Amino acid sequence: MNKNRTLIMLLLSTSLAACQSVGRQGSPLWHMTTSESDKIAAYRATCVAYGFKAGTAELSQCIAQESRDSRASANDRMRAIQRANSYNRTINCTSTTTGVFTNTSCR
């Protein structure tokens, strides 16, 4: 019985991990719920990881570009969901919270 339960949990977690999450950084939900200062901190971390140095104009430009790209991508995803919904298709969303992270998957 314990082996079956472990197998089911493994399959379930693998299935959930394979789904595209709507609540991740850069997602529409993230943009709606995250403060501007937290967004900038996330973009800054990304740009520093790219190799930009703190206090430089290049870092500021990278942060601005990351912000624009992220917002555009989130808007594109929302439009895709709205288009799918406009065809009278049902969209089912499920949210899962683990610690401080909430992931939402829609199909």
C-alpha atoms as a PDB file:
ATOM      1  CA  MET A   1       0.000   0.000   0.000  1.00  0.00           C
ATOM      2  CA  ASN A   2       2.814   2.415   0.895  1.00  0.00           C
ATOM      3  CA  LYS A   3       4.563   1.718  -2.437  1.00  0.00           C
ATOM      4  CA  ASN A   4       1.372   2.550  -4.341  1.00  0.00           C
ATOM      5  CA  ARG A   5       0.957   5.784  -2.445  1.00  0.00           C
ATOM      6  CA  THR A   6       4.575   6.750  -3.133  1.00  0.00           C
ATOM      7  CA  LEU A   7       4.154   5.950  -6.832  1.00  0.00           C
ATOM      8  CA  ILE A   8       0.964   7.990  -7.046  1.00  0.00           C
ATOM      9  CA  MET A   9       2.632  10.952  -5.332  1.00  0.00           C
ATOM     10  CA  LEU A  10       5.622  10.700  -7.667  1.00  0.00           C
ATOM     11  CA  LEU A  11       3.399  10.618 -10.752  1.00  0.00           C
ATOM     12  CA  LEU A  12       1.288  13.478  -9.474  1.00  0.00           C
ATOM     13  CA  SER A  13       4.288  15.671  -8.696  1.00  0.00           C
ATOM     14  CA  THR A  14       5.823  14.901 -12.080  1.00  0.00           C
ATOM     15  CA  SER A  15       2.569  15.780 -13.831  1.00  0.00           C
ATOM     16  CA  LEU A  16       2.248  19.041 -11.953  1.00  0.00           C
ATOM     17  CA  ALA A  17       5.853  19.978 -12.675  1.00  0.00           C
ATOM     18  CA  ALA A  18       5.256  19.404 -16.377  1.00  0.00           C
ATOM     19  CA  CYS A  19       2.394  21.925 -16.480  1.00  0.00           C
ATOM     20  CA  GLN A  20       3.163  25.511 -17.306  1.00  0.00           C
ATOM     21  CA  SER A  21       2.685  27.510 -14.169  1.00  0.00           C
ATOM     22  CA  VAL A  22       0.887  30.829 -14.286  1.00  0.00           C
ATOM     23  CA  GLY A  23       2.111  32.006 -10.874  1.00  0.00           C
ATOM     24  CA  ARG A  24       5.832  32.071 -11.599  1.00  0.00           C
ATOM     25  CA  GLN A  25       8.045  35.109 -11.961  1.00  0.00           C
ATOM     26  CA  GLY A  26       7.055  37.003 -15.075  1.00  0.00           C
ATOM     27  CA  SER A  27       3.595  35.433 -15.292  1.00  0.00           C
ATOM     28  CA  PRO A  28       0.381  37.456 -15.489  1.00  0.00           C
ATOM     29  CA  LEU A  29      -0.443  36.546 -11.878  1.00  0.00           C
ATOM     30  CA  TRP A  30       3.043  37.548 -10.746  1.00  0.00           C
ATOM     31  CA  HIS A  31       2.674  40.935 -12.441  1.00  0.00           C
ATOM     32  CA  MET A  32      -0.717  41.483 -10.805  1.00  0.00           C
ATOM     33  CA  THR A  33       0.354  40.548  -7.275  1.00  0.00           C
ATOM     34  CA  THR A  34       4.036  41.480  -6.915  1.00  0.00           C
ATOM     35  CA  SER A  35       5.121  44.911  -5.724  1.00  0.00           C
ATOM     36  CA  GLU A  36       7.126  47.096  -8.092  1.00  0.00           C
ATOM     37  CA  SER A  37      10.154  46.977  -5.768  1.00  0.00           C
ATOM     38  CA  ASP A  38      10.075  43.154  -5.733  1.00  0.00           C
ATOM     39  CA  LYS A  39       9.831  43.075  -9.528  1.00  0.00           C
ATOM     40  CA  ILE A  40      12.835  45.398  -9.846  1.00  0.00           C
ATOM     41  CA  ALA A  41      14.789  43.231  -7.396  1.00  0.00           C
ATOM     42  CA  ALA A  42      14.010  40.162  -9.514  1.00  0.00           C
ATOM     43  CA  TYR A  43      15.050  41.919 -12.735  1.00  0.00           C
ATOM     44  CA  ARG A  44      18.201  43.222 -11.039  1.00  0.00           C
ATOM     45  CA  ALA A  45      19.149  39.678  -9.970  1.00  0.00           C
ATOM     46  CA  THR A  46      18.626  38.470 -13.532  1.00  0.00           C
ATOM     47  CA  CYS A  47      20.756  41.258 -14.989  1.00  0.00           C
ATOM     48  CA  VAL A  48      23.540  40.765 -12.431  1.00  0.00           C
ATOM     49  CA  ALA A  49      23.499  37.070 -13.356  1.00  0.00           C
ATOM     50  CA  TYR A  50      23.982  38.178 -16.988  1.00  0.00           C
ATOM     51  CA  GLY A  51      27.151  39.960 -15.830  1.00  0.00           C
ATOM     52  CA  PHE A  52      26.031  43.587 -15.522  1.00  0.00           C
ATOM     53  CA  LYS A  53      27.738  45.543 -12.737  1.00  0.00           C
ATOM     54  CA  ALA A  54      25.861  47.392  -9.980  1.00  0.00           C
ATOM     55  CA  GLY A  55      25.568  51.148 -10.372  1.00  0.00           C
ATOM     56  CA  THR A  56      26.103  51.180 -14.143  1.00  0.00           C
ATOM     57  CA  ALA A  57      23.855  52.609 -16.825  1.00  0.00           C
ATOM     58  CA  GLU A  58      23.985  49.222 -18.538  1.00  0.00           C
ATOM     59  CA  LEU A  59      22.453  47.540 -15.480  1.00  0.00           C
ATOM     60  CA  SER A  60      19.648  50.120 -15.444  1.00  0.00           C
ATOM     61  CA  GLN A  61      19.022  49.542 -19.148  1.00  0.00           C
ATOM     62  CA  CYS A  62      18.969  45.779 -18.617  1.00  0.00           C
ATOM     63  CA  ILE A  63      16.444  46.117 -15.774  1.00  0.00           C
ATOM     64  CA  ALA A  64      14.217  48.315 -17.945  1.00  0.00           C
ATOM     65  CA  GLN A  65      14.437  45.870 -20.859  1.00  0.00           C
ATOM     66  CA  GLU A  66      13.706  42.861 -18.625  1.00  0.00           C
ATOM     67  CA  SER A  67      10.679  44.708 -17.255  1.00  0.00           C
ATOM     68  CA  ARG A  68       9.335  45.517 -20.731  1.00  0.00           C
ATOM     69  CA  ASP A  69       9.961  41.993 -22.028  1.00  0.00           C
ATOM     70  CA  SER A  70       8.385  40.366 -18.985  1.00  0.00           C
ATOM     71  CA  ARG A  71       5.282  42.552 -19.123  1.00  0.00           C
ATOM     72  CA  ALA A  72       4.892  41.949 -22.889  1.00  0.00           C
ATOM     73  CA  SER A  73       5.201  38.200 -22.407  1.00  0.00           C
ATOM     74  CA  ALA A  74       2.624  38.236 -19.588  1.00  0.00           C
ATOM     75  CA  ASN A  75       0.251  40.293 -21.732  1.00  0.00           C
ATOM     76  CA  ASP A  76       0.668  37.843 -24.625  1.00  0.00           C
ATOM     77  CA  ARG A  77      -0.207  34.935 -22.328  1.00  0.00           C
ATOM     78  CA  MET A  78      -3.292  36.730 -21.018  1.00  0.00           C
ATOM     79  CA  ARG A  79      -4.454  37.480 -24.572  1.00  0.00           C
ATOM     80  CA  ALA A  80      -4.017  33.799 -25.465  1.00  0.00           C
ATOM     81  CA  ILE A  81      -6.167  32.794 -22.494  1.00  0.00           C
ATOM     82  CA  GLN A  82      -8.790  35.380 -23.463  1.00  0.00           C
ATOM     83  CA  ARG A  83      -8.786  34.169 -27.088  1.00  0.00           C
ATOM     84  CA  ALA A  84      -9.247  30.573 -25.960  1.00  0.00           C
ATOM     85  CA  ASN A  85     -12.066  31.672 -23.687  1.00  0.00           C
ATOM     86  CA  SER A  86     -13.735  33.655 -26.472  1.00  0.00           C
ATOM     87  CA  TYR A  87     -14.297  30.411 -28.375  1.00  0.00           C
ATOM     88  CA  ASN A  88     -16.651  29.331 -25.580  1.00  0.00           C
ATOM     89  CA  ARG A  89     -14.138  26.830 -24.313  1.00  0.00           C
ATOM     90  CA  THR A  90     -14.023  26.099 -20.647  1.00  0.00           C
ATOM     91  CA  ILE A  91     -10.748  26.919 -18.969  1.00  0.00           C
ATOM     92  CA  ASN A  92     -10.070  25.130 -15.719  1.00  0.00           C
ATOM     93  CA  CYS A  93      -7.431  26.523 -13.386  1.00  0.00           C
ATOM     94  CA  THR A  94      -5.925  24.877 -10.341  1.00  0.00           C
ATOM     95  CA  SER A  95      -3.735  26.629  -7.774  1.00  0.00           C
ATOM     96  CA  THR A  96      -1.229  24.855  -5.566  1.00  0.00           C
ATOM     97  CA  THR A  97       0.566  26.571  -2.695  1.00  0.00           C
ATOM     98  CA  THR A  98       3.866  25.221  -1.433  1.00  0.00           C
ATOM     99  CA  GLY A  99       5.487  27.387   1.210  1.00  0.00           C
ATOM    100  CA  VAL A 100       5.526  30.939  -0.116  1.00  0.00           C
ATOM    101  CA  PHE A 101       4.973  29.940  -3.760  1.00  0.00           C
ATOM    102  CA  THR A 102       1.595  29.648  -5.430  1.00  0.00           C
ATOM    103  CA  ASN A 103       1.468  28.038  -8.854  1.00  0.00           C
ATOM    104  CA  THR A 104      -1.634  28.168 -11.007  1.00  0.00           C
ATOM    105  CA  SER A 105      -2.079  25.915 -14.011  1.00  0.00           C
ATOM    106  CA  CYS A 106      -4.855  26.467 -16.541  1.00  0.00           C
ATOM    107  CA  ARG A 107      -6.061  24.150 -19.270  1.00  0.00           C
END
